[in-house]
C-alpha atoms as a PDB file:
ATOM      1  CA  VAL A   1      96.979  92.435  59.326  1.00  0.00           C
ATOM      2  CA  GLN A   2      97.090  93.073  63.069  1.00  0.00           C
ATOM      3  CA  LEU A   3      94.401  95.167  64.700  1.00  0.00           C
ATOM      4  CA  GLN A   4      94.097  96.888  68.064  1.00  0.00           C
ATOM      5  CA  ALA A   5      90.870  98.429  69.304  1.00  0.00           C
ATOM      6  CA  SER A   6      90.675 101.153  71.935  1.00  0.00           C
ATOM      7  CA  GLY A   7      88.395 103.870  73.236  1.00  0.00           C
ATOM      8  CA  GLY A   8      85.871 101.924  75.257  1.00  0.00           C
ATOM      9  CA  GLY A   9      84.662 103.053  78.631  1.00  0.00           C
ATOM     10  CA  LEU A  10      81.708 103.875  80.846  1.00  0.00           C
ATOM     11  CA  VAL A  11      79.189 106.425  79.595  1.00  0.00           C
ATOM     12  CA  GLN A  12      75.664 107.437  80.547  1.00  0.00           C
ATOM     13  CA  ALA A  13      72.739 106.753  78.273  1.00  0.00           C
ATOM     14  CA  GLY A  14      72.509 109.458  75.622  1.00  0.00           C
ATOM     15  CA  GLY A  15      76.244 110.023  75.675  1.00  0.00           C
ATOM     16  CA  SER A  16      78.908 109.464  73.040  1.00  0.00           C
ATOM     17  CA  LEU A  17      82.121 107.515  72.609  1.00  0.00           C
ATOM     18  CA  ARG A  18      84.560 107.109  69.756  1.00  0.00           C
ATOM     19  CA  LEU A  19      86.284 103.803  69.261  1.00  0.00           C
ATOM     20  CA  SER A  20      89.517 103.493  67.324  1.00  0.00           C
ATOM     21  CA  CYS A  21      91.087 100.509  65.595  1.00  0.00           C
ATOM     22  CA  ALA A  22      94.751 100.805  64.699  1.00  0.00           C
ATOM     23  CA  THR A  23      96.126  98.484  62.031  1.00  0.00           C
ATOM     24  CA  SER A  24      99.649  97.209  61.648  1.00  0.00           C
ATOM     25  CA  GLY A  25     100.131  98.930  58.321  1.00  0.00           C
ATOM     26  CA  SER A  26      98.669  99.657  54.961  1.00  0.00           C
ATOM     27  CA  SER A  27      95.589  97.597  54.310  1.00  0.00           C
ATOM     28  CA  THR A  28      93.355  97.296  51.308  1.00  0.00           C
ATOM     29  CA  TYR A  29      90.875  95.258  53.300  1.00  0.00           C
ATOM     30  CA  ALA A  30      87.349  96.201  54.133  1.00  0.00           C
ATOM     31  CA  MET A  31      87.021  96.700  57.871  1.00  0.00           C
ATOM     32  CA  GLY A  32      84.242  96.402  60.344  1.00  0.00           C
ATOM     33  CA  TRP A  33      83.033  96.494  63.928  1.00  0.00           C
ATOM     34  CA  PHE A  34      81.261  93.749  65.795  1.00  0.00           C
ATOM     35  CA  ARG A  35      80.045  93.566  69.378  1.00  0.00           C
ATOM     36  CA  GLN A  36      79.298  90.857  71.872  1.00  0.00           C
ATOM     37  CA  ALA A  37      77.186  91.315  74.963  1.00  0.00           C
ATOM     38  CA  PRO A  38      77.368  88.851  77.878  1.00  0.00           C
ATOM     39  CA  GLY A  39      75.548  85.639  77.026  1.00  0.00           C
ATOM     40  CA  LYS A  40      74.926  86.687  73.447  1.00  0.00           C
ATOM     41  CA  GLU A  41      76.473  85.912  70.094  1.00  0.00           C
ATOM     42  CA  ARG A  42      78.812  88.303  68.360  1.00  0.00           C
ATOM     43  CA  GLU A  43      76.805  90.643  66.164  1.00  0.00           C
ATOM     44  CA  PHE A  44      77.625  92.897  63.253  1.00  0.00           C
ATOM     45  CA  VAL A  45      77.677  96.640  63.896  1.00  0.00           C
ATOM     46  CA  ALA A  46      79.140  98.373  60.832  1.00  0.00           C
ATOM     47  CA  ALA A  47      81.614  97.939  57.980  1.00  0.00           C
ATOM     48  CA  ILE A  48      83.453 100.146  55.500  1.00  0.00           C
ATOM     49  CA  THR A  49      85.305  99.519  52.256  1.00  0.00           C
ATOM     50  CA  TRP A  50      88.995 100.299  51.810  1.00  0.00           C
ATOM     51  CA  ARG A  51      88.438 103.614  50.061  1.00  0.00           C
ATOM     52  CA  SER A  52      85.446 104.471  52.255  1.00  0.00           C
ATOM     53  CA  ALA A  53      83.239 104.413  49.194  1.00  0.00           C
ATOM     54  CA  SER A  54      80.660 102.227  50.884  1.00  0.00           C
ATOM     55  CA  THR A  55      79.465 101.663  54.420  1.00  0.00           C
ATOM     56  CA  THR A  56      76.855  99.404  55.925  1.00  0.00           C
ATOM     57  CA  TYR A  57      75.237  99.364  59.358  1.00  0.00           C
ATOM     58  CA  ALA A  58      73.129  97.127  61.523  1.00  0.00           C
ATOM     59  CA  ASP A  59      69.594  98.452  61.821  1.00  0.00           C
ATOM     60  CA  SER A  60      70.032  98.785  65.583  1.00  0.00           C
ATOM     61  CA  VAL A  61      72.747 101.430  65.217  1.00  0.00           C
ATOM     62  CA  LYS A  62      71.767 103.140  61.971  1.00  0.00           C
ATOM     63  CA  GLY A  63      71.519 106.887  62.454  1.00  0.00           C
ATOM     64  CA  ARG A  64      73.432 106.790  65.758  1.00  0.00           C
ATOM     65  CA  PHE A  65      76.802 105.269  64.856  1.00  0.00           C
ATOM     66  CA  THR A  66      79.201 106.357  62.117  1.00  0.00           C
ATOM     67  CA  ILE A  67      82.077 104.265  60.798  1.00  0.00           C
ATOM     68  CA  SER A  68      85.044 105.916  59.124  1.00  0.00           C
ATOM     69  CA  ARG A  69      88.685 105.260  58.375  1.00  0.00           C
ATOM     70  CA  ASP A  70      91.849 107.215  57.796  1.00  0.00           C
ATOM     71  CA  ASN A  71      94.110 105.075  55.644  1.00  0.00           C
ATOM     72  CA  ALA A  72      96.981 107.547  55.976  1.00  0.00           C
ATOM     73  CA  MET A  73      96.859 106.939  59.728  1.00  0.00           C
ATOM     74  CA  TYR A  74      96.085 103.216  59.381  1.00  0.00           C
ATOM     75  CA  THR A  75      93.106 103.703  61.692  1.00  0.00           C
ATOM     76  CA  MET A  76      89.389 103.003  61.629  1.00  0.00           C
ATOM     77  CA  TYR A  77      86.856 104.708  63.870  1.00  0.00           C
ATOM     78  CA  LEU A  78      83.379 104.146  65.216  1.00  0.00           C
ATOM     79  CA  GLN A  79      81.645 107.281  66.441  1.00  0.00           C
ATOM     80  CA  MET A  80      78.819 106.232  68.731  1.00  0.00           C
ATOM     81  CA  ASN A  81      76.183 108.815  69.647  1.00  0.00           C
ATOM     82  CA  SER A  82      72.909 108.595  71.565  1.00  0.00           C
ATOM     83  CA  LEU A  83      74.166 105.491  73.318  1.00  0.00           C
ATOM     84  CA  LYS A  84      71.673 103.160  74.943  1.00  0.00           C
ATOM     85  CA  PRO A  85      72.124 100.574  77.713  1.00  0.00           C
ATOM     86  CA  GLU A  86      71.564  97.864  75.111  1.00  0.00           C
ATOM     87  CA  ASP A  87      74.728  99.038  73.337  1.00  0.00           C
ATOM     88  CA  THR A  88      76.728  97.672  76.267  1.00  0.00           C
ATOM     89  CA  ALA A  89      79.135  95.060  74.907  1.00  0.00           C
ATOM     90  CA  VAL A  90      82.704  94.251  74.054  1.00  0.00           C
ATOM     91  CA  TYR A  91      83.399  95.834  70.682  1.00  0.00           C
ATOM     92  CA  TYR A  92      85.774  94.176  68.221  1.00  0.00           C
ATOM     93  CA  CYS A  93      87.325  95.481  65.035  1.00  0.00           C
ATOM     94  CA  ALA A  94      88.074  93.171  62.143  1.00  0.00           C
ATOM     95  CA  ALA A  95      89.361  93.108  58.569  1.00  0.00           C
ATOM     96  CA  SER A  96      87.903  91.301  55.562  1.00  0.00           C
ATOM     97  CA  ARG A  97      88.969  90.529  51.999  1.00  0.00           C
ATOM     98  CA  TYR A  98      85.323  90.546  50.952  1.00  0.00           C
ATOM     99  CA  TRP A  99      82.583  93.056  50.305  1.00  0.00           C
ATOM    100  CA  PRO A 100      79.876  93.206  51.345  1.00  0.00           C
ATOM    101  CA  ALA A 101      81.001  91.700  54.611  1.00  0.00           C
ATOM    102  CA  MET A 102      78.567  91.443  57.490  1.00  0.00           C
ATOM    103  CA  THR A 103      79.152  88.087  59.149  1.00  0.00           C
ATOM    104  CA  PRO A 104      82.026  87.106  61.457  1.00  0.00           C
ATOM    105  CA  GLN A 105      82.989  84.299  59.081  1.00  0.00           C
ATOM    106  CA  MET A 106      83.873  86.834  56.370  1.00  0.00           C
ATOM    107  CA  PHE A 107      86.438  88.575  58.549  1.00  0.00           C
ATOM    108  CA  GLY A 108      89.815  86.903  58.801  1.00  0.00           C
ATOM    109  CA  SER A 109      91.662  89.229  61.155  1.00  0.00           C
ATOM    110  CA  TRP A 110      90.435  90.407  64.549  1.00  0.00           C
ATOM    111  CA  GLY A 111      91.616  92.796  67.199  1.00  0.00           C
ATOM    112  CA  GLN A 112      91.155  92.362  70.907  1.00  0.00           C
ATOM    113  CA  GLY A 113      87.931  93.818  72.222  1.00  0.00           C
ATOM    114  CA  THR A 114      87.278  97.067  74.011  1.00  0.00           C
ATOM    115  CA  LEU A 115      84.485  97.229  76.568  1.00  0.00           C
ATOM    116  CA  VAL A 116      81.705  99.777  76.230  1.00  0.00           C
ATOM    117  CA  THR A 117      79.341 100.121  79.182  1.00  0.00           C
ATOM    118  CA  VAL A 118      76.292 102.371  78.955  1.00  0.00           C
ATOM    119  CA  SER A 119      74.551 103.114  82.213  1.00  0.00           C
ATOM    120  CA  SER A 120      70.882 104.011  82.417  1.00  0.00           C
END
């Protein structure tokens, strides 16, 4: 499956952004978001099962970010609220055949990143 992330940008601390990840077609995969800040390793953000029955979040974003997907539109979303400067990173979407899936190694397909910059 091919993935394309979009929606990044510059926002002030406390603001919101919504990222989108368009897929190449129907997918029964679980999907997720990761992020990578300069000089740091890629880290898990959130993941969702195919039918949206289950979601999981990193502790650092729990309560602020919401992952969702619209399979009819072949798109996954990440609503990010109450953004903090430490959320600044390149955000990647990915697809996995496994669940639960929270490590990069469990995701076999990746989109290009979209940059999110949160100013203080």
